[in-house]
Protein backbone atom coordinates (compact mmCIF):
# COMPACT_ATOMS: atom_id res chain seq x y z
CA MET A 1 -0.02 0.03 -0.01
CA ALA A 2 1.26 3.52 -0.73
CA SER A 3 2.45 5.76 2.16
CA THR A 4 0.01 7.98 3.84
CA SER A 5 0.22 11.60 3.55
CA PRO A 6 -0.67 14.87 5.39
CA GLY A 7 -1.61 16.10 1.59
CA TYR A 8 -4.53 13.76 2.10
CA GLY A 9 -5.44 14.38 5.86
CA ILE A 10 -8.98 14.39 7.04
CA THR A 11 -10.76 15.00 10.15
CA ILE A 12 -13.78 12.74 10.73
CA ARG A 13 -16.22 13.75 13.46
CA VAL A 14 -17.93 10.45 14.77
CA GLU A 15 -20.25 9.64 17.74
CA GLY A 16 -21.18 6.67 19.57
CA PRO A 17 -22.88 5.61 22.90
CA PRO A 18 -20.35 5.10 25.64
CA SER A 19 -21.38 1.43 25.76
CA SER A 20 -19.92 1.06 22.27
CA GLN A 21 -16.47 2.11 23.21
CA PRO A 22 -16.43 4.61 20.67
CA VAL A 23 -13.01 5.66 20.78
CA ALA A 24 -11.36 2.08 20.77
CA LEU A 25 -13.81 1.20 17.86
CA ALA A 26 -13.29 4.14 15.75
CA THR A 27 -9.17 3.94 16.15
CA THR A 28 -9.26 0.10 15.55
CA ILE A 29 -11.14 0.66 12.13
CA ILE A 30 -9.13 3.46 11.14
CA SER A 31 -5.82 1.97 11.61
CA GLY A 32 -7.04 -1.36 10.09
CA ALA A 33 -7.63 0.36 7.21
CA GLY A 34 -4.35 1.68 6.65
CA ALA A 35 -4.51 5.45 7.83
CA THR A 36 -2.20 7.03 10.09
CA ILE A 37 -3.94 8.86 13.26
CA THR A 38 -2.25 11.82 13.87
CA ALA A 39 -4.82 13.24 16.61
CA LEU A 40 -7.88 12.35 18.59
CA ASP A 41 -10.02 14.81 20.41
CA VAL A 42 -13.52 14.09 22.67
CA VAL A 43 -15.32 17.21 21.78
CA GLU A 44 -18.44 16.03 23.68
CA SER A 45 -19.12 13.57 26.32
CA HIS A 46 -22.54 12.80 27.60
CA SER A 47 -24.20 9.70 29.33
CA GLU A 48 -25.90 8.97 25.80
CA LYS A 49 -23.12 9.56 23.41
CA VAL A 50 -19.49 10.42 22.79
CA VAL A 51 -18.53 12.87 20.09
CA LEU A 52 -14.82 12.51 18.81
CA ASP A 53 -12.85 14.47 16.03
CA ILE A 54 -10.13 12.07 14.70
CA THR A 55 -7.63 13.34 12.39
CA CYS A 56 -5.63 11.00 10.04
CA ASP A 57 -3.27 10.76 6.83
CA THR A 58 -4.62 8.83 3.98
CA THR A 59 -2.92 7.81 0.98
CA ASP A 60 -5.70 9.33 -1.49
CA LEU A 61 -9.13 10.39 -2.10
CA ALA A 62 -10.49 6.76 -2.55
CA HIS A 63 -8.60 5.84 0.73
CA ALA A 64 -10.28 8.68 2.63
CA GLU A 65 -13.63 7.51 1.26
CA GLU A 66 -13.07 3.73 2.03
CA ILE A 67 -12.24 4.73 5.74
CA THR A 68 -15.32 6.91 6.23
CA LEU A 69 -17.33 4.09 4.58
CA ALA A 70 -15.93 1.48 7.02
CA LEU A 71 -16.76 3.75 9.97
CA SER A 72 -20.39 4.38 8.61
CA LYS A 73 -20.82 0.79 8.22
CA ASN A 74 -20.35 0.02 11.95
CA SER A 75 -23.55 0.11 14.03
CA GLY A 76 -21.78 1.42 16.84
CA LEU A 77 -20.75 4.64 15.30
CA THR A 78 -22.30 7.57 13.37
CA VAL A 79 -20.18 9.63 11.18
CA ARG A 80 -21.44 13.14 11.49
CA LYS A 81 -18.86 15.03 9.08
CA VAL A 82 -15.76 14.54 7.36
CA SER A 83 -13.26 17.68 6.65
CA ASP A 84 -10.60 17.83 4.33
CA ARG A 85 -7.49 19.32 6.08
CA THR A 86 -5.84 20.61 2.79
CA PHE A 87 -9.15 22.28 1.46
CA LEU A 88 -9.55 23.85 5.00
CA LEU A 89 -6.19 25.28 4.80
CA HIS A 90 -6.94 26.78 1.31
CA LEU A 91 -10.10 28.70 2.41
CA GLY A 92 -9.61 32.22 1.24
CA GLY A 93 -6.14 31.72 0.08
CA LYS A 94 -2.84 31.43 1.87
CA ILE A 95 -1.47 34.79 1.64
CA GLU A 96 -2.25 38.31 2.51
CA VAL A 97 -1.12 41.78 2.20
CA THR A 98 -0.49 43.66 5.50
CA SER A 99 0.69 47.16 6.42
CA LYS A 100 4.36 47.84 7.69
CA VAL A 101 3.40 51.33 9.01
CA PRO A 102 0.79 52.18 11.69
CA LEU A 103 -2.04 54.24 10.52
CA LYS A 104 -3.94 55.35 13.37
CA THR A 105 -3.85 59.12 13.42
CA ARG A 106 -3.94 61.88 10.93
CA ASP A 107 -0.36 62.30 11.41
CA ASP A 108 0.28 58.80 9.89
CA LEU A 109 -2.05 59.36 7.05
CA SER A 110 -0.25 62.40 6.12
CA ARG A 111 3.26 60.71 5.96
CA ALA A 112 1.92 57.30 4.45
CA TYR A 113 -0.43 58.90 2.06
CA THR A 114 -1.39 62.60 0.99
CA PRO A 115 -0.03 65.12 1.15
CA GLY A 116 3.41 63.33 2.09
CA VAL A 117 3.74 60.75 -0.37
CA ALA A 118 4.18 63.31 -3.03
CA ARG A 119 7.52 64.25 -1.84
CA ILE A 120 8.32 60.32 -2.25
CA CYS A 121 6.98 60.19 -6.01
CA GLN A 122 8.83 63.61 -6.79
CA ALA A 123 12.15 61.94 -5.33
CA ILE A 124 11.78 59.02 -7.45
CA VAL A 125 11.21 61.15 -10.50
CA ASP A 126 14.25 63.41 -9.81
CA ASP A 127 16.26 59.88 -9.37
CA PRO A 128 14.48 56.55 -10.69
CA ALA A 129 17.16 54.39 -8.65
CA ASP A 130 15.17 55.56 -5.41
CA ALA A 131 12.10 53.37 -6.17
CA ARG A 132 14.20 50.60 -5.01
CA ARG A 133 15.07 52.21 -2.01
CA LEU A 134 11.75 53.69 -1.14
CA THR A 135 9.24 51.37 -2.23
CA ILE A 136 8.40 47.48 -1.89
CA LYS A 137 10.47 47.13 -5.09
CA ARG A 138 13.46 46.36 -2.64
CA ASN A 139 12.08 43.10 -1.44
CA THR A 140 9.30 42.13 -3.85
CA VAL A 141 9.19 39.14 -6.43
CA ALA A 142 6.62 38.55 -9.09
CA VAL A 143 5.91 34.73 -9.25
CA VAL A 144 4.77 34.40 -12.94
CA THR A 145 2.98 31.55 -14.64
CA ASP A 146 0.60 31.03 -17.45
CA GLY A 147 -0.58 27.76 -15.82
CA SER A 148 0.60 25.68 -18.70
CA ALA A 149 2.82 22.99 -16.93
CA VAL A 150 1.70 23.14 -13.23
CA LEU A 151 3.40 20.27 -11.01
CA GLY A 152 2.17 17.03 -12.45
CA LEU A 153 -0.89 18.25 -13.65
CA GLY A 154 -0.19 19.68 -16.84
CA ASN A 155 -1.72 22.81 -18.62
CA ILE A 156 -4.66 23.59 -16.47
CA GLY A 157 -4.56 27.22 -16.66
CA PRO A 158 -3.65 30.40 -14.70
CA ALA A 159 -6.80 30.20 -12.20
CA ALA A 160 -5.99 26.41 -11.16
CA ALA A 161 -2.41 27.35 -10.95
CA LEU A 162 -3.23 30.13 -8.39
CA PRO A 163 -3.07 27.86 -5.14
CA VAL A 164 0.66 26.75 -6.34
CA MET A 165 1.84 30.22 -6.78
CA GLU A 166 0.18 31.38 -3.47
CA GLY A 167 2.30 28.67 -1.89
CA LYS A 168 5.34 29.59 -3.68
CA ALA A 169 4.98 33.27 -2.37
CA ALA A 170 4.27 31.46 1.26
CA LEU A 171 7.48 29.69 1.08
CA PHE A 172 9.51 32.98 -0.19
CA LYS A 173 8.17 34.73 3.24
CA ARG A 174 8.86 31.85 5.22
CA PHE A 175 12.23 30.99 4.18
CA ALA A 176 13.90 34.29 3.08
CA ASP A 177 11.57 37.09 4.31
CA VAL A 178 11.01 38.14 0.59
CA ASP A 179 7.56 39.59 -0.21
CA ALA A 180 6.02 37.59 -3.44
CA TRP A 181 3.05 37.83 -5.25
CA PRO A 182 1.32 35.52 -7.64
CA VAL A 183 0.83 36.68 -11.13
CA CYS A 184 -1.12 34.32 -13.11
CA LEU A 185 -1.60 35.31 -17.01
CA ASP A 186 -4.48 34.36 -18.89
CA THR A 187 -2.61 33.79 -21.98
CA GLN A 188 0.11 31.40 -23.22
CA ASP A 189 1.32 33.24 -26.16
CA VAL A 190 4.91 34.14 -25.86
CA ASP A 191 4.70 37.60 -27.02
CA GLU A 192 2.00 38.61 -24.84
CA ILE A 193 3.53 37.14 -21.75
CA VAL A 194 6.90 38.87 -22.28
CA ARG A 195 5.33 42.06 -23.11
CA THR A 196 2.96 41.79 -19.75
CA VAL A 197 5.84 41.15 -17.53
CA GLN A 198 7.75 43.73 -18.89
CA LEU A 199 4.91 46.19 -18.07
CA ILE A 200 4.45 45.27 -14.52
CA ALA A 201 8.28 45.04 -13.91
CA PRO A 202 8.83 48.55 -12.19
CA VAL A 203 7.13 47.12 -9.11
CA TYR A 204 9.52 44.05 -8.59
CA GLY A 205 12.87 43.67 -7.70
CA GLY A 206 12.98 40.14 -9.42
CA ILE A 207 10.91 37.95 -11.62
CA ASN A 208 10.32 34.12 -10.77
CA LEU A 209 9.14 32.36 -13.60
CA GLU A 210 7.16 29.27 -12.68
CA ASP A 211 5.23 26.46 -14.36
CA ILE A 212 5.64 27.33 -18.00
CA SER A 213 5.82 24.63 -20.38
CA ALA A 214 8.91 23.96 -22.58
CA PRO A 215 10.12 25.12 -24.97
CA ARG A 216 8.07 28.52 -24.58
CA CYS A 217 9.82 29.12 -21.38
CA PHE A 218 13.24 29.23 -22.72
CA GLU A 219 12.22 31.92 -24.90
CA ILE A 220 10.33 33.65 -22.38
CA GLU A 221 13.31 33.70 -20.12
CA ARG A 222 15.71 34.64 -22.61
CA ARG A 223 13.70 37.73 -23.98
CA LEU A 224 12.70 38.89 -20.35
CA ARG A 225 16.50 38.94 -19.32
CA GLU A 226 17.40 40.93 -22.42
CA LEU A 227 14.53 43.39 -21.56
CA LEU A 228 14.86 43.92 -17.97
CA ASP A 229 17.30 45.19 -15.43
CA ILE A 230 16.23 42.94 -12.74
CA PRO A 231 17.11 39.43 -12.51
CA VAL A 232 14.69 36.77 -13.91
CA PHE A 233 15.12 33.28 -12.57
CA HIS A 234 12.97 30.27 -14.14
CA ASP A 235 12.85 27.78 -10.96
CA ASP A 236 11.74 24.69 -12.75
CA GLN A 237 14.97 25.23 -14.72
CA HIS A 238 17.49 26.42 -12.60
CA GLY A 239 16.20 25.77 -9.22
CA THR A 240 15.80 22.24 -9.77
CA ALA A 241 19.12 22.23 -11.46
CA ILE A 242 20.79 23.87 -8.54
CA VAL A 243 19.37 21.65 -5.96
CA VAL A 244 20.19 18.41 -8.09
CA SER A 245 23.61 19.33 -8.77
CA ALA A 246 24.25 19.86 -5.04
CA ALA A 247 22.97 16.69 -4.12
CA LEU A 248 25.08 14.94 -6.88
CA ARG A 249 27.98 16.49 -5.80
CA ASN A 250 27.58 14.91 -2.13
CA ALA A 251 26.27 11.47 -3.30
CA LEU A 252 29.42 11.37 -5.59
CA ARG A 253 31.61 12.03 -2.63
CA LEU A 254 29.86 9.35 -0.66
CA VAL A 255 30.55 6.75 -3.29
CA ASN A 256 33.83 8.01 -4.02
CA LYS A 257 33.46 8.86 -7.71
CA GLU A 258 34.23 11.94 -9.75
CA LEU A 259 31.46 13.83 -11.98
CA LYS A 260 33.61 13.77 -14.88
CA ASP A 261 34.03 9.94 -14.96
CA VAL A 262 30.78 9.03 -14.31
CA LYS A 263 27.87 7.92 -16.86
CA ILE A 264 24.94 9.62 -16.34
CA VAL A 265 21.31 8.56 -17.75
CA MET A 266 18.40 11.08 -17.63
CA SER A 267 14.92 10.73 -18.39
CA GLY A 268 13.15 14.02 -19.26
CA ALA A 269 14.68 16.64 -21.39
CA GLY A 270 12.08 19.67 -20.83
CA ALA A 271 12.83 22.76 -18.82
CA ALA A 272 14.17 20.85 -15.81
CA GLY A 273 16.06 17.97 -17.36
CA THR A 274 17.93 20.55 -19.78
CA ALA A 275 18.79 22.84 -17.20
CA ILE A 276 20.35 19.93 -14.96
CA ALA A 277 22.33 18.54 -17.93
CA ARG A 278 23.55 21.98 -18.72
CA LEU A 279 24.68 22.82 -14.93
CA LEU A 280 26.24 19.43 -14.79
CA VAL A 281 28.06 19.82 -17.99
CA LEU A 282 29.31 23.21 -16.82
CA ARG A 283 30.76 21.44 -13.61
CA GLY A 284 32.60 18.81 -15.57
CA ALA A 285 30.16 16.00 -16.72
CA SER A 286 30.83 14.51 -19.86
CA GLN A 287 28.90 11.09 -20.30
CA ILE A 288 25.09 12.16 -20.15
CA VAL A 289 22.91 10.08 -22.13
CA GLY A 290 19.21 11.86 -22.29
CA PHE A 291 15.73 10.32 -23.15
CA ASP A 292 12.36 11.97 -23.65
CA LYS A 293 9.02 10.75 -24.57
CA ASP A 294 10.48 9.95 -28.14
CA GLY A 295 13.39 8.01 -26.94
CA VAL A 296 17.07 8.59 -26.79
CA ILE A 297 18.53 12.14 -27.66
CA SER A 298 21.23 11.27 -30.12
CA LYS A 299 23.29 13.37 -33.07
CA SER A 300 21.25 11.77 -35.62
CA LEU A 301 18.03 13.74 -34.52
CA LEU A 302 17.05 16.45 -36.47
CA ARG A 303 17.98 20.16 -35.26
CA SER A 304 14.92 22.73 -34.65
CA ASP A 305 14.34 26.26 -33.76
CA ASP A 306 14.47 25.26 -30.24
CA GLU A 307 17.73 26.44 -28.95
CA MET A 308 17.83 24.14 -25.76
CA ARG A 309 16.91 21.22 -27.55
CA ASN A 310 19.90 21.87 -29.85
CA TRP A 311 22.11 22.22 -26.89
CA PHE A 312 20.96 18.78 -25.58
CA ILE A 313 21.70 17.01 -29.33
CA ASP A 314 25.14 18.76 -29.07
CA ASN A 315 26.11 18.01 -25.53
CA SER A 316 24.97 14.71 -24.66
CA ASN A 317 25.47 10.92 -25.75
CA PRO A 318 29.19 11.05 -26.82
CA GLU A 319 29.09 7.73 -28.13
CA ASN A 320 25.61 8.17 -30.05
CA TYR A 321 23.91 5.67 -28.36
CA ALA A 322 20.61 4.62 -30.12
CA GLY A 323 19.07 1.99 -27.81
CA ASP A 324 16.36 2.21 -25.21
CA ILE A 325 16.64 3.41 -21.82
CA SER A 326 17.21 -0.44 -20.43
CA GLY A 327 20.29 -0.88 -22.46
CA ALA A 328 21.42 2.80 -21.48
CA MET A 329 21.09 1.73 -17.67
CA LYS A 330 23.77 -1.16 -17.87
CA GLY A 331 26.52 -0.08 -16.15
CA ALA A 332 25.45 3.43 -15.60
CA ASP A 333 26.58 5.26 -12.24
CA VAL A 334 23.72 7.61 -11.89
CA PHE A 335 20.13 8.03 -13.19
CA ILE A 336 18.31 11.22 -13.09
CA GLY A 337 14.67 11.31 -13.75
CA VAL A 338 12.21 14.55 -14.21
CA SER A 339 9.93 12.74 -16.51
CA ALA A 340 6.98 10.43 -15.50
CA PRO A 341 6.19 7.52 -13.19
CA ASN A 342 7.43 3.87 -13.61
CA VAL A 343 10.06 4.70 -16.45
CA LEU A 344 12.63 2.17 -14.85
CA THR A 345 12.05 -1.61 -14.04
CA GLU A 346 13.82 -3.42 -11.16
CA ARG A 347 16.11 -5.22 -13.64
CA ASP A 348 17.25 -1.55 -15.19
CA VAL A 349 18.57 -0.62 -11.46
CA ALA A 350 19.94 -4.06 -10.76
CA SER A 351 22.15 -3.52 -14.00
CA MET A 352 23.85 -0.40 -13.00
CA ALA A 353 27.30 -0.05 -11.88
CA PRO A 354 28.29 -0.79 -8.39
CA ASN A 355 27.79 2.00 -5.64
CA SER A 356 25.05 3.50 -8.09
CA ILE A 357 23.01 6.40 -7.57
CA ILE A 358 19.38 7.27 -8.44
CA PHE A 359 17.83 10.47 -8.47
CA ALA A 360 13.74 9.42 -9.18
CA LEU A 361 12.02 13.02 -9.03
CA ALA A 362 8.91 12.70 -10.75
CA ASN A 363 5.99 13.62 -8.31
CA PRO A 364 4.29 12.53 -6.62
CA ASP A 365 5.13 9.02 -8.09
CA PRO A 366 8.77 8.51 -9.17
CA GLU A 367 10.51 6.80 -11.98
CA ILE A 368 11.08 3.80 -9.76
CA ASP A 369 9.54 2.68 -6.42
CA PRO A 370 12.46 4.00 -3.93
CA VAL A 371 11.95 0.93 -1.79
CA ILE A 372 12.96 -1.16 -5.05
CA ALA A 373 15.72 1.51 -6.02
CA ARG A 374 17.44 0.95 -2.70
CA LYS A 375 17.72 -2.76 -2.98
CA TYR A 376 20.50 -2.10 -5.67
CA ALA A 377 21.68 1.77 -5.19
CA THR A 378 23.77 2.99 -2.64
CA VAL A 379 22.13 6.63 -2.65
CA VAL A 380 18.25 7.18 -3.59
CA ALA A 381 16.53 10.62 -3.71
CA THR A 382 12.95 11.51 -5.01
CA GLY A 383 11.08 14.59 -4.89
CA ARG A 384 8.83 13.25 -2.11
CA SER A 385 8.75 14.80 1.47
CA ASP A 386 7.94 11.46 2.82
CA GLN A 387 11.04 10.03 1.59
CA PRO A 388 14.69 10.88 2.58
CA ASN A 389 17.15 13.07 0.42
CA GLN A 390 14.15 14.99 -0.97
CA ILE A 391 15.42 17.13 -3.92
CA ASN A 392 13.13 20.35 -2.97
CA ASN A 393 13.63 23.67 -4.96
CA VAL A 394 12.81 25.38 -1.58
CA LEU A 395 16.61 24.71 -0.74
CA ALA A 396 17.35 26.91 -3.68
CA PHE A 397 15.12 29.72 -4.71
CA PRO A 398 14.42 31.74 -1.33
CA GLY A 399 18.27 32.17 -1.02
CA ILE A 400 18.95 33.02 -4.41
CA PHE A 401 16.54 35.90 -4.45
CA ARG A 402 17.56 36.98 -1.01
CA GLY A 403 20.93 37.30 -2.09
CA LEU A 404 19.84 38.85 -5.48
CA LEU A 405 17.80 41.53 -3.69
CA ASP A 406 20.29 42.21 -1.19
CA ALA A 407 22.91 42.93 -3.86
CA ASN A 408 20.60 44.82 -6.05
CA ALA A 409 21.69 42.56 -8.81
CA HIS A 410 20.40 42.95 -12.39
CA LYS A 411 21.17 39.58 -14.04
CA ILE A 412 21.42 35.72 -13.32
CA THR A 413 24.84 34.33 -14.26
CA ASP A 414 26.09 30.70 -14.48
CA LYS A 415 28.52 31.61 -12.12
CA LEU A 416 25.91 32.23 -9.43
CA LEU A 417 24.20 29.19 -10.24
CA VAL A 418 27.18 27.09 -9.48
CA ALA A 419 27.83 29.04 -6.46
CA ALA A 420 24.35 28.33 -5.33
CA ALA A 421 24.84 24.57 -5.78
CA GLU A 422 28.00 24.58 -3.67
CA ALA A 423 26.76 26.46 -1.01
CA ILE A 424 23.69 23.98 -0.47
CA ALA A 425 25.78 20.99 -0.77
CA ASP A 426 28.44 22.63 1.85
CA CYS A 427 25.39 22.69 4.35
CA VAL A 428 25.91 18.95 4.79
CA SER A 429 29.09 18.49 6.73
CA PRO A 430 31.30 15.58 6.32
CA GLU A 431 30.11 14.11 9.61
CA GLN A 432 26.58 14.39 8.30
CA LEU A 433 26.83 12.81 4.98
CA ASN A 434 25.43 9.41 4.75
CA ALA A 435 23.14 7.44 1.90
CA SER A 436 20.15 9.10 3.59
CA PHE A 437 21.33 12.82 4.04
CA ILE A 438 22.86 14.46 0.84
CA VAL A 439 21.12 17.50 1.19
CA PRO A 440 20.13 19.75 3.92
CA SER A 441 16.75 19.82 5.53
CA VAL A 442 14.70 22.29 3.92
CA PHE A 443 13.88 23.72 7.54
CA ASP A 444 17.68 24.16 8.26
CA PRO A 445 17.97 28.05 8.78
CA ASN A 446 21.56 27.92 7.56
CA VAL A 447 20.67 27.00 4.13
CA THR A 448 19.04 30.30 3.09
CA LYS A 449 21.67 32.41 4.56
CA ALA A 450 24.45 30.38 2.99
CA VAL A 451 22.92 30.58 -0.47
CA ALA A 452 22.20 34.18 -0.20
CA ALA A 453 25.92 34.68 0.79
CA ALA A 454 27.11 32.89 -2.10
CA VAL A 455 24.91 34.64 -4.43
CA LYS A 456 25.98 38.07 -3.12
CA ARG A 457 29.69 37.13 -3.61
CA SER A 458 28.92 35.90 -7.30
CA VAL A 459 27.03 38.95 -8.50
């Protein structure tokens, strides 16, 4: 059975007569159905009935319904209400705007708004650079999406993408005290997206592109970087690449292998896959064999207008391997997946070189079950929070933007990306490094500080 997750947590209000021992009865049914009970509260207790709120984590919606049905079928219990804890958390959204200044008196209003604010406006007219010093631009990032490639959900549009962008904004604030705001655009036209971001850019100190499908995301990023004087960062590309690079550096140290010597098989050559490959090549990798939905990427493929696709053709598969992924896995040292569930078989993993490394990052279902992968690989990482070695972009983007904003940076450079990856990797000391701990915890307060400092030094 799949692991339970807080993402499918529910709270069930159930009642029963004291004679039926409802606490024991309900917990036995819920545990027997495979859920993880995380809290139990007696909300009412009378001579004729006991009312309980039982909170538990389930595996998915079907599992939650199965548990509710099992409780309902028992004659000693009555289910009064079931609440989905994830939906409750999202009621009214996850972020808000609050004032940093008091507005309690006429004097407060005179300074924060008219007439005093006119003096600030005029100062910016006289010196446009003062916009960064005297407005929210100094600490604010736009999280921009068109909703075309959201998580594993695909092209779901801007409105459905908003909960993800809200979450991203909340992470910016929590981990780096950066004020971020979702900008969900109701267009998937490259020209319209570029022009819209250009028009709103005066408010922001940086642009974080999010969940925009390839290959359009490459052109959007390139054009915005040329047009704007603030940093433009595509997290699905560069954030993922930075954390993967950091994790791989530590994993290779653990198995005593060098990046320049290892054979790497990659599944996925979209935005994340291409960015990972580029950063690894920049750091010395020379033997990457990439696969996409159409098969292996080789020199025999036709070149196209997609600059990043052409880069992958030119800089991977040095021996021009033409077989399938199972053949490529034989003797491979490293597998990196940013693609789809169940790409690999157990036999594929077993055929890898000794002391192999597997990064199966498709979410929520990875390219290979990590339990199976650990039977053969020395190091296994996933994108899941319920598994060790979670490759999570939150290790990178908060510190990166903290450093960019603090340094009043204008551009993203390859030097900056490498510096961020090294800073994350260095947050795991030699004494801490082991097969289940190759990247620091996302809650380690030193990570954001270290990444921000590395970024400032590299600007």
